[in-house]
Amino acid sequence: MKYMPQEIEVWYVIPAIRRELAKAMAAAGLMQKDIAARLGLTEPAVSQYIKSKRGKDVVFPKDIQDRILQAAKRIMRDDNLMMAEVQAVCNMVKKKGLLCKIACRYYDAPRDCCVCMR
């Protein structure tokens, strides 16, 4: 099956980022309704992210985890930063070659993929 990097982001990376953001915000004491409002999600979606029922397919390395925690703090102070913060984390994921790792796991990644050289 062919893939596009944008599909990897939509189906795997962004849900995993949301999972980590929701967990960080919950750990900071925010209620699910407040997390939902800041992230532009429904309360049931936040509940599923916190319980790792959504976004469970990707585990981020420590440096990206740390960046997501910083993003959560920024979004808690100003929810207008949500899109920019998620985009910054997505860019970090791309730079580290994680999209290729995910593609290798779930798709027939191209031979010239930076991580999946065969």
C-alpha atoms as a PDB file:
ATOM      1  CA  MET A   1       0.000   0.000   0.000  1.00  0.00           C
ATOM      2  CA  LYS A   2       1.322   3.447  -0.917  1.00  0.00           C
ATOM      3  CA  TYR A   3       1.416   6.231   1.589  1.00  0.00           C
ATOM      4  CA  MET A   4       1.850   9.966   1.752  1.00  0.00           C
ATOM      5  CA  PRO A   5       3.686  11.618   4.669  1.00  0.00           C
ATOM      6  CA  GLN A   6       0.631  13.778   5.359  1.00  0.00           C
ATOM      7  CA  GLU A   7      -1.442  10.632   5.899  1.00  0.00           C
ATOM      8  CA  ILE A   8       1.091   9.387   8.436  1.00  0.00           C
ATOM      9  CA  GLU A   9       0.779  12.684  10.293  1.00  0.00           C
ATOM     10  CA  VAL A  10      -3.025  12.645  10.270  1.00  0.00           C
ATOM     11  CA  TRP A  11      -3.498   8.971  11.180  1.00  0.00           C
ATOM     12  CA  TYR A  12      -0.600   8.427  13.592  1.00  0.00           C
ATOM     13  CA  VAL A  13       1.448  11.470  14.601  1.00  0.00           C
ATOM     14  CA  ILE A  14      -1.231  14.055  15.405  1.00  0.00           C
ATOM     15  CA  PRO A  15      -3.323  11.626  17.493  1.00  0.00           C
ATOM     16  CA  ALA A  16      -0.186  10.679  19.454  1.00  0.00           C
ATOM     17  CA  ILE A  17       0.624  14.357  20.013  1.00  0.00           C
ATOM     18  CA  ARG A  18      -2.934  14.982  21.184  1.00  0.00           C
ATOM     19  CA  ARG A  19      -2.658  12.005  23.528  1.00  0.00           C
ATOM     20  CA  GLU A  20       0.469  13.412  25.128  1.00  0.00           C
ATOM     21  CA  LEU A  21      -0.921  16.947  25.312  1.00  0.00           C
ATOM     22  CA  ALA A  22      -4.137  15.722  26.946  1.00  0.00           C
ATOM     23  CA  LYS A  23      -2.213  13.614  29.466  1.00  0.00           C
ATOM     24  CA  ALA A  24       0.115  16.493  30.325  1.00  0.00           C
ATOM     25  CA  MET A  25      -2.779  18.886  30.801  1.00  0.00           C
ATOM     26  CA  ALA A  26      -4.687  16.369  32.920  1.00  0.00           C
ATOM     27  CA  ALA A  27      -1.590  15.820  35.052  1.00  0.00           C
ATOM     28  CA  ALA A  28      -1.416  19.608  35.517  1.00  0.00           C
ATOM     29  CA  GLY A  29      -4.939  19.496  36.955  1.00  0.00           C
ATOM     30  CA  LEU A  30      -7.062  20.665  34.042  1.00  0.00           C
ATOM     31  CA  MET A  31     -10.536  19.219  33.726  1.00  0.00           C
ATOM     32  CA  GLN A  32     -11.381  17.279  30.562  1.00  0.00           C
ATOM     33  CA  LYS A  33     -13.765  19.997  29.392  1.00  0.00           C
ATOM     34  CA  ASP A  34     -10.958  22.581  29.679  1.00  0.00           C
ATOM     35  CA  ILE A  35      -8.521  20.316  27.836  1.00  0.00           C
ATOM     36  CA  ALA A  36     -11.127  19.763  25.115  1.00  0.00           C
ATOM     37  CA  ALA A  37     -11.628  23.513  24.708  1.00  0.00           C
ATOM     38  CA  ARG A  38      -7.892  24.203  24.482  1.00  0.00           C
ATOM     39  CA  LEU A  39      -7.229  21.409  21.982  1.00  0.00           C
ATOM     40  CA  GLY A  40     -10.394  21.871  19.917  1.00  0.00           C
ATOM     41  CA  LEU A  41     -11.662  18.381  20.737  1.00  0.00           C
ATOM     42  CA  THR A  42     -14.744  16.852  22.305  1.00  0.00           C
ATOM     43  CA  GLU A  43     -14.686  15.710  25.923  1.00  0.00           C
ATOM     44  CA  PRO A  44     -15.123  12.046  24.894  1.00  0.00           C
ATOM     45  CA  ALA A  45     -12.105  12.370  22.573  1.00  0.00           C
ATOM     46  CA  VAL A  46     -10.033  13.804  25.422  1.00  0.00           C
ATOM     47  CA  SER A  47     -11.118  10.919  27.637  1.00  0.00           C
ATOM     48  CA  GLN A  48      -9.969   8.430  25.014  1.00  0.00           C
ATOM     49  CA  TYR A  49      -6.626  10.200  24.600  1.00  0.00           C
ATOM     50  CA  ILE A  50      -6.039  10.244  28.359  1.00  0.00           C
ATOM     51  CA  LYS A  51      -6.846   6.512  28.545  1.00  0.00           C
ATOM     52  CA  SER A  52      -4.555   5.868  25.524  1.00  0.00           C
ATOM     53  CA  LYS A  53      -7.441   4.459  23.496  1.00  0.00           C
ATOM     54  CA  ARG A  54      -6.563   6.935  20.734  1.00  0.00           C
ATOM     55  CA  GLY A  55      -3.104   7.821  19.526  1.00  0.00           C
ATOM     56  CA  LYS A  56      -1.577   4.712  21.022  1.00  0.00           C
ATOM     57  CA  ASP A  57       0.345   3.583  17.929  1.00  0.00           C
ATOM     58  CA  VAL A  58       3.266   5.998  18.288  1.00  0.00           C
ATOM     59  CA  VAL A  59       5.691   6.311  21.182  1.00  0.00           C
ATOM     60  CA  PHE A  60       7.878   9.395  21.027  1.00  0.00           C
ATOM     61  CA  PRO A  61      11.520   9.553  22.086  1.00  0.00           C
ATOM     62  CA  LYS A  62      12.369  11.656  25.142  1.00  0.00           C
ATOM     63  CA  ASP A  63      13.325  14.826  23.277  1.00  0.00           C
ATOM     64  CA  ILE A  64       9.963  14.925  21.508  1.00  0.00           C
ATOM     65  CA  GLN A  65       8.160  14.056  24.754  1.00  0.00           C
ATOM     66  CA  ASP A  66       9.903  17.002  26.386  1.00  0.00           C
ATOM     67  CA  ARG A  67       8.894  19.285  23.510  1.00  0.00           C
ATOM     68  CA  ILE A  68       5.281  18.154  23.842  1.00  0.00           C
ATOM     69  CA  LEU A  69       5.343  18.945  27.577  1.00  0.00           C
ATOM     70  CA  GLN A  70       6.602  22.443  26.753  1.00  0.00           C
ATOM     71  CA  ALA A  71       3.828  22.763  24.164  1.00  0.00           C
ATOM     72  CA  ALA A  72       1.221  21.714  26.742  1.00  0.00           C
ATOM     73  CA  LYS A  73       2.417  24.423  29.137  1.00  0.00           C
ATOM     74  CA  ARG A  74       2.282  27.047  26.407  1.00  0.00           C
ATOM     75  CA  ILE A  75      -1.180  25.972  25.271  1.00  0.00           C
ATOM     76  CA  MET A  76      -2.443  26.041  28.863  1.00  0.00           C
ATOM     77  CA  ARG A  77      -1.314  29.679  29.071  1.00  0.00           C
ATOM     78  CA  ASP A  78      -2.640  30.633  25.622  1.00  0.00           C
ATOM     79  CA  ASP A  79      -4.823  28.210  23.663  1.00  0.00           C
ATOM     80  CA  ASN A  80      -4.333  30.327  20.528  1.00  0.00           C
ATOM     81  CA  LEU A  81      -0.904  28.690  20.326  1.00  0.00           C
ATOM     82  CA  MET A  82      -2.326  25.186  19.881  1.00  0.00           C
ATOM     83  CA  MET A  83      -1.979  24.965  16.101  1.00  0.00           C
ATOM     84  CA  ALA A  84       1.520  26.441  16.070  1.00  0.00           C
ATOM     85  CA  GLU A  85       2.670  24.129  18.864  1.00  0.00           C
ATOM     86  CA  VAL A  86       1.306  20.986  17.200  1.00  0.00           C
ATOM     87  CA  GLN A  87       2.906  22.048  13.920  1.00  0.00           C
ATOM     88  CA  ALA A  88       6.249  22.586  15.667  1.00  0.00           C
ATOM     89  CA  VAL A  89       6.113  19.083  17.129  1.00  0.00           C
ATOM     90  CA  CYS A  90       5.131  17.643  13.718  1.00  0.00           C
ATOM     91  CA  ASN A  91       8.147  19.369  12.189  1.00  0.00           C
ATOM     92  CA  MET A  92      10.396  17.881  14.859  1.00  0.00           C
ATOM     93  CA  VAL A  93       8.963  14.427  14.137  1.00  0.00           C
ATOM     94  CA  LYS A  94       9.742  14.903  10.434  1.00  0.00           C
ATOM     95  CA  LYS A  95      13.284  16.135  11.058  1.00  0.00           C
ATOM     96  CA  LYS A  96      14.036  13.107  13.217  1.00  0.00           C
ATOM     97  CA  GLY A  97      12.874  10.727  10.478  1.00  0.00           C
ATOM     98  CA  LEU A  98      10.041   9.267  12.539  1.00  0.00           C
ATOM     99  CA  LEU A  99       7.573   9.481   9.652  1.00  0.00           C
ATOM    100  CA  CYS A 100       9.706   6.963   7.778  1.00  0.00           C
ATOM    101  CA  LYS A 101       9.819   4.639  10.788  1.00  0.00           C
ATOM    102  CA  ILE A 102       6.049   4.767  11.047  1.00  0.00           C
ATOM    103  CA  ALA A 103       5.706   4.260   7.294  1.00  0.00           C
ATOM    104  CA  CYS A 104       7.901   1.172   7.489  1.00  0.00           C
ATOM    105  CA  ARG A 105       5.717  -0.188  10.251  1.00  0.00           C
ATOM    106  CA  TYR A 106       2.344   0.295   8.576  1.00  0.00           C
ATOM    107  CA  TYR A 107       2.941   0.786   4.844  1.00  0.00           C
ATOM    108  CA  ASP A 108       5.094  -0.260   1.953  1.00  0.00           C
ATOM    109  CA  ALA A 109       7.513   2.646   2.374  1.00  0.00           C
ATOM    110  CA  PRO A 110       9.570   3.776  -0.616  1.00  0.00           C
ATOM    111  CA  ARG A 111      13.084   2.413  -0.978  1.00  0.00           C
ATOM    112  CA  ASP A 112      14.645   5.850  -0.632  1.00  0.00           C
ATOM    113  CA  CYS A 113      12.980   6.532   2.718  1.00  0.00           C
ATOM    114  CA  CYS A 114      15.560   8.011   5.048  1.00  0.00           C
ATOM    115  CA  VAL A 115      15.155   5.289   7.665  1.00  0.00           C
ATOM    116  CA  CYS A 116      13.871   2.385   5.631  1.00  0.00           C
ATOM    117  CA  MET A 117      16.770   1.856   3.255  1.00  0.00           C
ATOM    118  CA  ARG A 118      16.490  -1.760   2.211  1.00  0.00           C
END
